[in-house]
Amino acid sequence: MVVFCLAILVSYAIERICANLSSFKKLAFTGVVSVFIMLEYLAIPYTTTQIHVPEFYKKLREDKEEYAIIDIPSRPVTLYFQTIHRKRLIGGYVSRPSKKAIDFLSNTPVINELMLNPKAAKEAKGSGREPLSKQSLQGKKQVAKHIFEQYNIRYVITHTDDKREFIEETLKLPCVYDAEGIRAYATTF
């Protein structure tokens, strides 16, 4: 809005300056001002960054079935990868999540342990619910199976080792892809 207002003021200033000039000088002055404005907004070189897309995401796109995935940790590139594989995301990356989304991530067993960072997980545990981490190993697996089936979650994809112990040793999910900086686990038991 400020630029628009300044453009109007500059146009009045140019008109006033050109009022006392000959037609050739008016044209030359307007041309010089126009060139300066174009140079100001010129975006050369326009740099771009190429992001490597792991093959697993391309394979997901080839799968025509409808299901969701959990891609952790959630970060902006997660949404870019979602445009490649076109599957629904649990969590995703949202700058201003709704209360409903926060409640889902905080209060849904297994999802909360996978998605929330340690600080948020501590806050969620203070909500009066019994934390999932105190349930038996078999109980966790059964809860995970139910949650994955209920929300039709087919894969858990990790880009770091933060949740590896929980996924491999507690949930006992089989690793189906381990390359290119990602590890994908199938949620089928």
C-alpha atoms as a PDB file:
ATOM      1  CA  MET A   1       0.000   0.000   0.000  1.00  0.00           C
ATOM      2  CA  VAL A   2       2.871   2.356   0.802  1.00  0.00           C
ATOM      3  CA  VAL A   3       4.461   1.739  -2.594  1.00  0.00           C
ATOM      4  CA  PHE A   4       1.159   2.487  -4.306  1.00  0.00           C
ATOM      5  CA  CYS A   5       0.820   5.791  -2.430  1.00  0.00           C
ATOM      6  CA  LEU A   6       4.407   6.719  -3.244  1.00  0.00           C
ATOM      7  CA  ALA A   7       3.791   5.917  -6.914  1.00  0.00           C
ATOM      8  CA  ILE A   8       0.918   8.402  -6.972  1.00  0.00           C
ATOM      9  CA  LEU A   9       3.046  11.080  -5.313  1.00  0.00           C
ATOM     10  CA  VAL A  10       5.930  10.453  -7.720  1.00  0.00           C
ATOM     11  CA  SER A  11       3.583  10.725 -10.697  1.00  0.00           C
ATOM     12  CA  TYR A  12       2.426  14.151  -9.469  1.00  0.00           C
ATOM     13  CA  ALA A  13       6.059  15.188  -8.971  1.00  0.00           C
ATOM     14  CA  ILE A  14       6.997  14.056 -12.481  1.00  0.00           C
ATOM     15  CA  GLU A  15       4.020  15.924 -13.920  1.00  0.00           C
ATOM     16  CA  ARG A  16       5.052  19.089 -12.104  1.00  0.00           C
ATOM     17  CA  ILE A  17       8.693  18.782 -13.205  1.00  0.00           C
ATOM     18  CA  CYS A  18       7.662  18.124 -16.807  1.00  0.00           C
ATOM     19  CA  ALA A  19       5.281  21.107 -16.900  1.00  0.00           C
ATOM     20  CA  ASN A  20       8.097  23.520 -17.779  1.00  0.00           C
ATOM     21  CA  LEU A  21      10.000  21.213 -20.160  1.00  0.00           C
ATOM     22  CA  SER A  22       9.775  20.915 -23.921  1.00  0.00           C
ATOM     23  CA  SER A  23       8.082  17.816 -25.332  1.00  0.00           C
ATOM     24  CA  PHE A  24      11.432  16.149 -26.174  1.00  0.00           C
ATOM     25  CA  LYS A  25      12.791  16.793 -22.665  1.00  0.00           C
ATOM     26  CA  LYS A  26       9.526  15.506 -21.149  1.00  0.00           C
ATOM     27  CA  LEU A  27       9.859  12.286 -23.117  1.00  0.00           C
ATOM     28  CA  ALA A  28      13.541  11.893 -22.206  1.00  0.00           C
ATOM     29  CA  PHE A  29      12.934  12.617 -18.513  1.00  0.00           C
ATOM     30  CA  THR A  30       9.998  10.198 -18.342  1.00  0.00           C
ATOM     31  CA  GLY A  31      12.087   7.551 -20.124  1.00  0.00           C
ATOM     32  CA  VAL A  32      14.984   7.942 -17.670  1.00  0.00           C
ATOM     33  CA  VAL A  33      12.643   7.717 -14.670  1.00  0.00           C
ATOM     34  CA  SER A  34      10.981   4.639 -16.196  1.00  0.00           C
ATOM     35  CA  VAL A  35      14.361   2.944 -16.700  1.00  0.00           C
ATOM     36  CA  PHE A  36      15.317   3.650 -13.072  1.00  0.00           C
ATOM     37  CA  ILE A  37      12.029   2.177 -11.862  1.00  0.00           C
ATOM     38  CA  MET A  38      12.502  -0.939 -14.004  1.00  0.00           C
ATOM     39  CA  LEU A  39      16.061  -1.366 -12.720  1.00  0.00           C
ATOM     40  CA  GLU A  40      14.801  -1.045  -9.151  1.00  0.00           C
ATOM     41  CA  TYR A  41      12.368  -3.941  -9.620  1.00  0.00           C
ATOM     42  CA  LEU A  42      14.618  -6.048 -11.837  1.00  0.00           C
ATOM     43  CA  ALA A  43      15.239  -9.466 -10.291  1.00  0.00           C
ATOM     44  CA  ILE A  44      18.398 -10.683 -11.987  1.00  0.00           C
ATOM     45  CA  PRO A  45      19.750 -13.180 -11.255  1.00  0.00           C
ATOM     46  CA  TYR A  46      16.707 -14.970  -9.934  1.00  0.00           C
ATOM     47  CA  THR A  47      18.246 -17.754  -7.921  1.00  0.00           C
ATOM     48  CA  THR A  48      16.475 -21.005  -7.249  1.00  0.00           C
ATOM     49  CA  THR A  49      17.402 -24.028  -5.227  1.00  0.00           C
ATOM     50  CA  GLN A  50      16.935 -27.519  -6.493  1.00  0.00           C
ATOM     51  CA  ILE A  51      15.616 -29.853  -3.819  1.00  0.00           C
ATOM     52  CA  HIS A  52      16.446 -33.524  -4.121  1.00  0.00           C
ATOM     53  CA  VAL A  53      13.337 -35.684  -3.920  1.00  0.00           C
ATOM     54  CA  PRO A  54      13.999 -39.182  -2.562  1.00  0.00           C
ATOM     55  CA  GLU A  55      12.798 -42.041  -4.755  1.00  0.00           C
ATOM     56  CA  PHE A  56      10.432 -43.251  -2.047  1.00  0.00           C
ATOM     57  CA  TYR A  57       8.208 -40.203  -2.540  1.00  0.00           C
ATOM     58  CA  LYS A  58       8.075 -40.884  -6.273  1.00  0.00           C
ATOM     59  CA  LYS A  59       7.076 -44.493  -5.569  1.00  0.00           C
ATOM     60  CA  LEU A  60       4.310 -43.258  -3.274  1.00  0.00           C
ATOM     61  CA  ARG A  61       2.925 -41.166  -6.123  1.00  0.00           C
ATOM     62  CA  GLU A  62       2.740 -44.228  -8.358  1.00  0.00           C
ATOM     63  CA  ASP A  63       0.586 -45.965  -5.738  1.00  0.00           C
ATOM     64  CA  LYS A  64      -2.984 -44.950  -6.594  1.00  0.00           C
ATOM     65  CA  GLU A  65      -4.496 -46.039  -3.265  1.00  0.00           C
ATOM     66  CA  GLU A  66      -5.775 -43.384  -0.861  1.00  0.00           C
ATOM     67  CA  TYR A  67      -4.030 -43.301   2.509  1.00  0.00           C
ATOM     68  CA  ALA A  68      -2.162 -40.969   4.830  1.00  0.00           C
ATOM     69  CA  ILE A  69       1.453 -40.802   5.908  1.00  0.00           C
ATOM     70  CA  ILE A  70       3.291 -39.321   8.842  1.00  0.00           C
ATOM     71  CA  ASP A  71       6.401 -37.442   7.721  1.00  0.00           C
ATOM     72  CA  ILE A  72       8.568 -36.375  10.667  1.00  0.00           C
ATOM     73  CA  PRO A  73       9.972 -33.996  11.613  1.00  0.00           C
ATOM     74  CA  SER A  74       7.412 -31.685  10.111  1.00  0.00           C
ATOM     75  CA  ARG A  75       9.101 -28.837   8.251  1.00  0.00           C
ATOM     76  CA  PRO A  76       8.422 -26.748   5.130  1.00  0.00           C
ATOM     77  CA  VAL A  77      10.015 -29.279   2.770  1.00  0.00           C
ATOM     78  CA  THR A  78       7.470 -31.815   4.049  1.00  0.00           C
ATOM     79  CA  LEU A  79       4.769 -29.905   2.190  1.00  0.00           C
ATOM     80  CA  TYR A  80       6.908 -29.812  -0.942  1.00  0.00           C
ATOM     81  CA  PHE A  81       7.315 -33.591  -0.783  1.00  0.00           C
ATOM     82  CA  GLN A  82       3.551 -33.851  -0.333  1.00  0.00           C
ATOM     83  CA  THR A  83       3.117 -32.197  -3.738  1.00  0.00           C
ATOM     84  CA  ILE A  84       5.207 -35.045  -5.143  1.00  0.00           C
ATOM     85  CA  HIS A  85       3.540 -38.027  -3.457  1.00  0.00           C
ATOM     86  CA  ARG A  86       0.028 -36.513  -3.155  1.00  0.00           C
ATOM     87  CA  LYS A  87      -0.928 -38.503  -0.081  1.00  0.00           C
ATOM     88  CA  ARG A  88      -2.641 -37.008   2.946  1.00  0.00           C
ATOM     89  CA  LEU A  89      -0.314 -35.875   5.725  1.00  0.00           C
ATOM     90  CA  ILE A  90      -0.825 -36.275   9.423  1.00  0.00           C
ATOM     91  CA  GLY A  91       0.532 -33.109  10.982  1.00  0.00           C
ATOM     92  CA  GLY A  92       2.108 -31.414   8.010  1.00  0.00           C
ATOM     93  CA  TYR A  93       3.614 -27.990   8.482  1.00  0.00           C
ATOM     94  CA  VAL A  94       1.237 -25.180   9.319  1.00  0.00           C
ATOM     95  CA  SER A  95       2.293 -21.760  10.522  1.00  0.00           C
ATOM     96  CA  ARG A  96      -0.894 -21.247  12.537  1.00  0.00           C
ATOM     97  CA  PRO A  97      -2.515 -24.580  13.343  1.00  0.00           C
ATOM     98  CA  SER A  98      -6.074 -24.597  14.601  1.00  0.00           C
ATOM     99  CA  LYS A  99      -6.950 -25.630  18.140  1.00  0.00           C
ATOM    100  CA  LYS A 100      -8.576 -28.757  16.723  1.00  0.00           C
ATOM    101  CA  ALA A 101      -5.333 -29.726  14.961  1.00  0.00           C
ATOM    102  CA  ILE A 102      -3.251 -29.074  18.074  1.00  0.00           C
ATOM    103  CA  ASP A 103      -5.679 -31.119  20.176  1.00  0.00           C
ATOM    104  CA  PHE A 104      -5.489 -33.980  17.675  1.00  0.00           C
ATOM    105  CA  LEU A 105      -1.689 -33.992  17.668  1.00  0.00           C
ATOM    106  CA  SER A 106      -1.474 -33.599  21.439  1.00  0.00           C
ATOM    107  CA  ASN A 107      -4.156 -36.039  22.530  1.00  0.00           C
ATOM    108  CA  THR A 108      -4.061 -38.867  20.003  1.00  0.00           C
ATOM    109  CA  PRO A 109      -1.937 -41.717  21.335  1.00  0.00           C
ATOM    110  CA  VAL A 110       1.056 -42.684  19.200  1.00  0.00           C
ATOM    111  CA  ILE A 111       0.528 -39.615  16.997  1.00  0.00           C
ATOM    112  CA  ASN A 112       1.510 -37.384  19.910  1.00  0.00           C
ATOM    113  CA  GLU A 113       4.709 -39.329  20.529  1.00  0.00           C
ATOM    114  CA  LEU A 114       5.624 -39.279  16.853  1.00  0.00           C
ATOM    115  CA  MET A 115       4.721 -35.708  15.968  1.00  0.00           C
ATOM    116  CA  LEU A 116       5.329 -33.538  18.991  1.00  0.00           C
ATOM    117  CA  ASN A 117       8.705 -32.197  19.930  1.00  0.00           C
ATOM    118  CA  PRO A 118       9.874 -33.052  23.465  1.00  0.00           C
ATOM    119  CA  LYS A 119       8.722 -29.720  24.955  1.00  0.00           C
ATOM    120  CA  ALA A 120       5.237 -29.997  23.442  1.00  0.00           C
ATOM    121  CA  ALA A 121       5.028 -33.641  24.501  1.00  0.00           C
ATOM    122  CA  LYS A 122       5.691 -32.640  28.125  1.00  0.00           C
ATOM    123  CA  GLU A 123       2.936 -30.019  27.942  1.00  0.00           C
ATOM    124  CA  ALA A 124       0.532 -32.566  26.459  1.00  0.00           C
ATOM    125  CA  LYS A 125       1.320 -35.027  29.251  1.00  0.00           C
ATOM    126  CA  GLY A 126       0.320 -32.369  31.768  1.00  0.00           C
ATOM    127  CA  SER A 127      -3.231 -32.446  30.412  1.00  0.00           C
ATOM    128  CA  GLY A 128      -4.365 -35.074  32.924  1.00  0.00           C
ATOM    129  CA  ARG A 129      -4.238 -38.023  30.525  1.00  0.00           C
ATOM    130  CA  GLU A 130      -2.124 -41.032  31.327  1.00  0.00           C
ATOM    131  CA  PRO A 131       0.884 -40.795  28.993  1.00  0.00           C
ATOM    132  CA  LEU A 132       1.115 -43.558  26.434  1.00  0.00           C
ATOM    133  CA  SER A 133       4.748 -44.163  27.333  1.00  0.00           C
ATOM    134  CA  LYS A 134       3.669 -45.745  30.660  1.00  0.00           C
ATOM    135  CA  GLN A 135       1.511 -48.377  29.013  1.00  0.00           C
ATOM    136  CA  SER A 136       2.828 -51.836  28.319  1.00  0.00           C
ATOM    137  CA  LEU A 137       4.723 -52.565  25.127  1.00  0.00           C
ATOM    138  CA  GLN A 138       1.923 -54.781  23.833  1.00  0.00           C
ATOM    139  CA  GLY A 139      -0.609 -52.094  24.714  1.00  0.00           C
ATOM    140  CA  LYS A 140       1.328 -49.520  22.722  1.00  0.00           C
ATOM    141  CA  LYS A 141       1.439 -51.774  19.701  1.00  0.00           C
ATOM    142  CA  GLN A 142      -2.307 -52.414  19.909  1.00  0.00           C
ATOM    143  CA  VAL A 143      -3.064 -48.714  20.291  1.00  0.00           C
ATOM    144  CA  ALA A 144      -0.747 -47.928  17.369  1.00  0.00           C
ATOM    145  CA  LYS A 145      -2.430 -50.552  15.202  1.00  0.00           C
ATOM    146  CA  HIS A 146      -5.849 -49.113  16.018  1.00  0.00           C
ATOM    147  CA  ILE A 147      -4.756 -45.506  15.370  1.00  0.00           C
ATOM    148  CA  PHE A 148      -3.033 -46.374  12.088  1.00  0.00           C
ATOM    149  CA  GLU A 149      -6.114 -48.262  10.899  1.00  0.00           C
ATOM    150  CA  GLN A 150      -8.552 -45.593  12.074  1.00  0.00           C
ATOM    151  CA  TYR A 151      -6.741 -42.797  10.232  1.00  0.00           C
ATOM    152  CA  ASN A 152      -5.617 -45.020   7.336  1.00  0.00           C
ATOM    153  CA  ILE A 153      -1.932 -44.273   7.918  1.00  0.00           C
ATOM    154  CA  ARG A 154       0.246 -46.486   5.739  1.00  0.00           C
ATOM    155  CA  TYR A 155       3.774 -45.148   6.356  1.00  0.00           C
ATOM    156  CA  VAL A 156       5.808 -43.288   8.940  1.00  0.00           C
ATOM    157  CA  ILE A 157       8.716 -41.482   7.282  1.00  0.00           C
ATOM    158  CA  THR A 158      11.586 -40.034   9.294  1.00  0.00           C
ATOM    159  CA  HIS A 159      14.389 -37.717   8.266  1.00  0.00           C
ATOM    160  CA  THR A 160      16.222 -37.922  11.587  1.00  0.00           C
ATOM    161  CA  ASP A 161      16.854 -40.566  14.228  1.00  0.00           C
ATOM    162  CA  ASP A 162      14.880 -38.733  16.938  1.00  0.00           C
ATOM    163  CA  LYS A 163      11.972 -41.188  16.935  1.00  0.00           C
ATOM    164  CA  ARG A 164      13.856 -44.246  15.695  1.00  0.00           C
ATOM    165  CA  GLU A 165      13.900 -46.072  19.029  1.00  0.00           C
ATOM    166  CA  PHE A 166      10.179 -45.533  19.558  1.00  0.00           C
ATOM    167  CA  ILE A 167       9.322 -46.663  16.014  1.00  0.00           C
ATOM    168  CA  GLU A 168      11.626 -49.669  15.802  1.00  0.00           C
ATOM    169  CA  GLU A 169      11.772 -50.984  19.344  1.00  0.00           C
ATOM    170  CA  THR A 170       8.447 -49.975  20.833  1.00  0.00           C
ATOM    171  CA  LEU A 171       6.093 -50.103  17.855  1.00  0.00           C
ATOM    172  CA  LYS A 172       8.196 -52.694  15.993  1.00  0.00           C
ATOM    173  CA  LEU A 173       7.362 -51.181  12.606  1.00  0.00           C
ATOM    174  CA  PRO A 174       9.274 -52.762   9.720  1.00  0.00           C
ATOM    175  CA  CYS A 175      11.619 -50.475   7.793  1.00  0.00           C
ATOM    176  CA  VAL A 176      10.737 -50.643   4.095  1.00  0.00           C
ATOM    177  CA  TYR A 177      13.084 -47.948   2.787  1.00  0.00           C
ATOM    178  CA  ASP A 178      16.389 -46.656   4.132  1.00  0.00           C
ATOM    179  CA  ALA A 179      18.252 -44.434   1.686  1.00  0.00           C
ATOM    180  CA  GLU A 180      18.735 -40.828   0.601  1.00  0.00           C
ATOM    181  CA  GLY A 181      18.471 -39.510   4.145  1.00  0.00           C
ATOM    182  CA  ILE A 182      15.045 -40.938   4.929  1.00  0.00           C
ATOM    183  CA  ARG A 183      13.772 -44.042   6.619  1.00  0.00           C
ATOM    184  CA  ALA A 184      10.240 -45.252   5.866  1.00  0.00           C
ATOM    185  CA  TYR A 185       8.321 -47.682   8.033  1.00  0.00           C
ATOM    186  CA  ALA A 186       5.214 -49.598   7.021  1.00  0.00           C
ATOM    187  CA  THR A 187       2.417 -49.426   9.566  1.00  0.00           C
ATOM    188  CA  THR A 188       1.027 -52.840   8.705  1.00  0.00           C
ATOM    189  CA  PHE A 189       1.407 -55.298  11.572  1.00  0.00           C
END
